Amino acid sequence: MKQKKSSNGISGGSSQAPAKSTRRRWSVQEKLRVLRLADACERGSSDLGSLLRREGIYHSQISLWRKQRDQGLLGGDGIKRGRKPTTPSMADHRALEKENRRLKAQLEEARLCLELQKKASEILGIRLSPLPDALKDL
């Protein structure tokens, strides 16, 4: 049996795109509820399998949630994701580091200019005045 071509030239049954499935997000209360039910299942019985099918999860998910529960990460105050909030002192520190890098680059540029002036004066035979003691260490 041949399929009809639609007006847009695509053959097939439905003209609508399939709906995109979204990932299920489990709240802490839901995880703890499922863990209580899983812990209540007798070992070796098919109760755990039917629970997993009913909830639509795999055994590995139960294992992960048990580890999180045992480590205290399911208490609601677990590891927070995302960027850490910046404190004013951290912002000041970053600004000072940025200024320090800028000043170092400026100093290096000034050193290169002085070196170039020295070489040019030697080539041209111009005698430079000696530097004061305070500037010799730079």
Protein backbone atom coordinates (compact mmCIF):
# COMPACT_ATOMS: atom_id res chain seq x y z
CA MET A 1 0.00 0.00 0.00
CA LYS A 2 1.42 3.36 -1.03
CA GLN A 3 1.26 6.42 1.17
CA LYS A 4 -0.15 9.61 -0.23
CA LYS A 5 2.10 12.60 -0.66
CA SER A 6 0.83 15.69 1.07
CA SER A 7 0.79 19.14 -0.47
CA ASN A 8 4.22 19.92 0.99
CA GLY A 9 5.77 16.91 -0.76
CA ILE A 10 6.39 14.84 2.35
CA SER A 11 4.91 11.40 2.45
CA GLY A 12 3.63 10.00 5.67
CA GLY A 13 0.65 9.84 7.92
CA SER A 14 0.59 12.68 10.42
CA SER A 15 1.44 16.23 9.47
CA GLN A 16 2.29 17.23 13.03
CA ALA A 17 5.75 16.94 14.56
CA PRO A 18 6.07 14.54 17.47
CA ALA A 19 5.93 16.19 20.87
CA LYS A 20 9.28 16.63 22.58
CA SER A 21 9.42 14.71 25.82
CA THR A 22 10.72 16.48 28.88
CA ARG A 23 12.80 15.05 31.66
CA ARG A 24 10.95 14.32 34.84
CA ARG A 25 12.10 16.28 37.88
CA TRP A 26 11.73 14.56 41.22
CA SER A 27 11.21 16.68 44.33
CA VAL A 28 12.89 15.66 47.57
CA GLN A 29 9.54 14.57 49.00
CA GLU A 30 8.84 12.33 45.98
CA LYS A 31 12.29 10.74 46.20
CA LEU A 32 11.88 10.04 49.90
CA ARG A 33 8.38 8.61 49.31
CA VAL A 34 9.67 6.20 46.63
CA LEU A 35 12.61 5.24 48.87
CA ARG A 36 10.27 4.44 51.75
CA LEU A 37 8.19 2.24 49.44
CA ALA A 38 11.32 0.56 48.03
CA ASP A 39 12.70 -0.08 51.51
CA ALA A 40 9.36 -1.63 52.52
CA CYS A 41 9.52 -4.16 49.67
CA GLU A 42 10.68 -7.63 50.69
CA ARG A 43 14.03 -8.71 49.35
CA GLY A 44 13.72 -11.26 46.58
CA SER A 45 10.07 -10.56 45.85
CA SER A 46 8.69 -8.95 42.73
CA ASP A 47 7.32 -6.01 44.73
CA LEU A 48 10.33 -3.82 43.99
CA GLY A 49 10.10 -4.52 40.26
CA SER A 50 6.44 -3.60 40.16
CA LEU A 51 7.18 -0.41 42.13
CA LEU A 52 9.90 0.56 39.67
CA ARG A 53 7.59 -0.07 36.70
CA ARG A 54 4.73 1.84 38.32
CA GLU A 55 6.96 4.86 39.07
CA GLY A 56 8.76 4.63 35.72
CA ILE A 57 12.29 4.52 37.13
CA TYR A 58 15.27 2.16 37.07
CA HIS A 59 16.94 0.39 39.95
CA SER A 60 20.07 2.50 39.45
CA GLN A 61 18.01 5.59 40.28
CA ILE A 62 16.93 4.03 43.57
CA SER A 63 20.57 3.22 44.33
CA LEU A 64 21.63 6.80 43.62
CA TRP A 65 18.86 8.23 45.78
CA ARG A 66 19.83 5.88 48.63
CA LYS A 67 23.43 7.07 48.45
CA GLN A 68 22.26 10.68 48.45
CA ARG A 69 19.98 10.01 51.41
CA ASP A 70 22.78 8.30 53.35
CA GLN A 71 25.13 11.23 52.67
CA GLY A 72 22.47 13.70 53.82
CA LEU A 73 22.04 15.28 50.41
CA LEU A 74 18.29 14.66 50.21
CA GLY A 75 17.51 16.82 53.21
CA GLY A 76 16.73 19.84 51.07
CA ASP A 77 19.97 21.67 51.84
CA GLY A 78 22.17 19.59 49.56
CA ILE A 79 24.77 20.79 47.13
CA LYS A 80 23.59 23.90 45.38
CA ARG A 81 24.26 24.13 41.69
CA GLY A 82 25.37 27.13 39.72
CA ARG A 83 27.78 29.97 40.18
CA LYS A 84 28.74 30.88 43.71
CA PRO A 85 27.52 34.30 44.83
CA THR A 86 30.21 36.95 44.83
CA THR A 87 30.91 38.97 47.93
CA PRO A 88 32.03 42.61 47.76
CA SER A 89 35.53 41.61 48.87
CA MET A 90 35.76 39.09 45.99
CA ALA A 91 34.71 41.78 43.51
CA ASP A 92 37.31 44.16 44.97
CA HIS A 93 39.94 41.43 44.76
CA ARG A 94 39.15 40.79 41.09
CA ALA A 95 39.27 44.51 40.32
CA LEU A 96 42.65 44.83 42.05
CA GLU A 97 44.03 41.83 40.17
CA LYS A 98 42.86 43.32 36.88
CA GLU A 99 44.48 46.67 37.70
CA ASN A 100 47.67 44.86 38.76
CA ARG A 101 47.86 43.06 35.39
CA ARG A 102 47.26 46.33 33.56
CA LEU A 103 49.99 48.13 35.53
CA LYS A 104 52.47 45.29 35.00
CA ALA A 105 51.88 45.46 31.24
CA GLN A 106 52.33 49.24 31.35
CA LEU A 107 55.58 48.88 33.32
CA GLU A 108 56.94 46.33 30.86
CA GLU A 109 56.11 48.67 27.98
CA ALA A 110 57.93 51.53 29.76
CA ARG A 111 61.00 49.31 30.34
CA LEU A 112 61.08 48.40 26.65
CA CYS A 113 60.85 52.10 25.69
CA LEU A 114 63.76 52.97 28.02
CA GLU A 115 65.82 50.13 26.61
CA LEU A 116 65.12 51.35 23.08
CA GLN A 117 66.07 54.91 24.04
CA LYS A 118 69.35 53.66 25.54
CA LYS A 119 70.25 51.74 22.39
CA ALA A 120 69.30 54.68 20.16
CA SER A 121 71.43 57.05 22.25
CA GLU A 122 74.41 54.67 22.04
CA ILE A 123 74.06 54.41 18.26
CA LEU A 124 73.71 58.17 17.86
CA GLY A 125 76.47 58.91 20.37
CA ILE A 126 74.25 60.89 22.72
CA ARG A 127 75.39 60.78 26.32
CA LEU A 128 72.57 60.17 28.79
CA SER A 129 72.57 61.57 32.30
CA PRO A 130 72.89 58.91 35.01
CA LEU A 131 69.71 57.71 36.68
CA PRO A 132 69.03 58.66 40.30
CA ASP A 133 69.55 55.80 42.80
CA ALA A 134 65.79 55.50 43.43
CA LEU A 135 65.09 54.67 39.77
CA LYS A 136 67.96 52.19 39.25
CA ASP A 137 66.08 49.33 40.93
CA LEU A 138 63.10 49.59 38.62
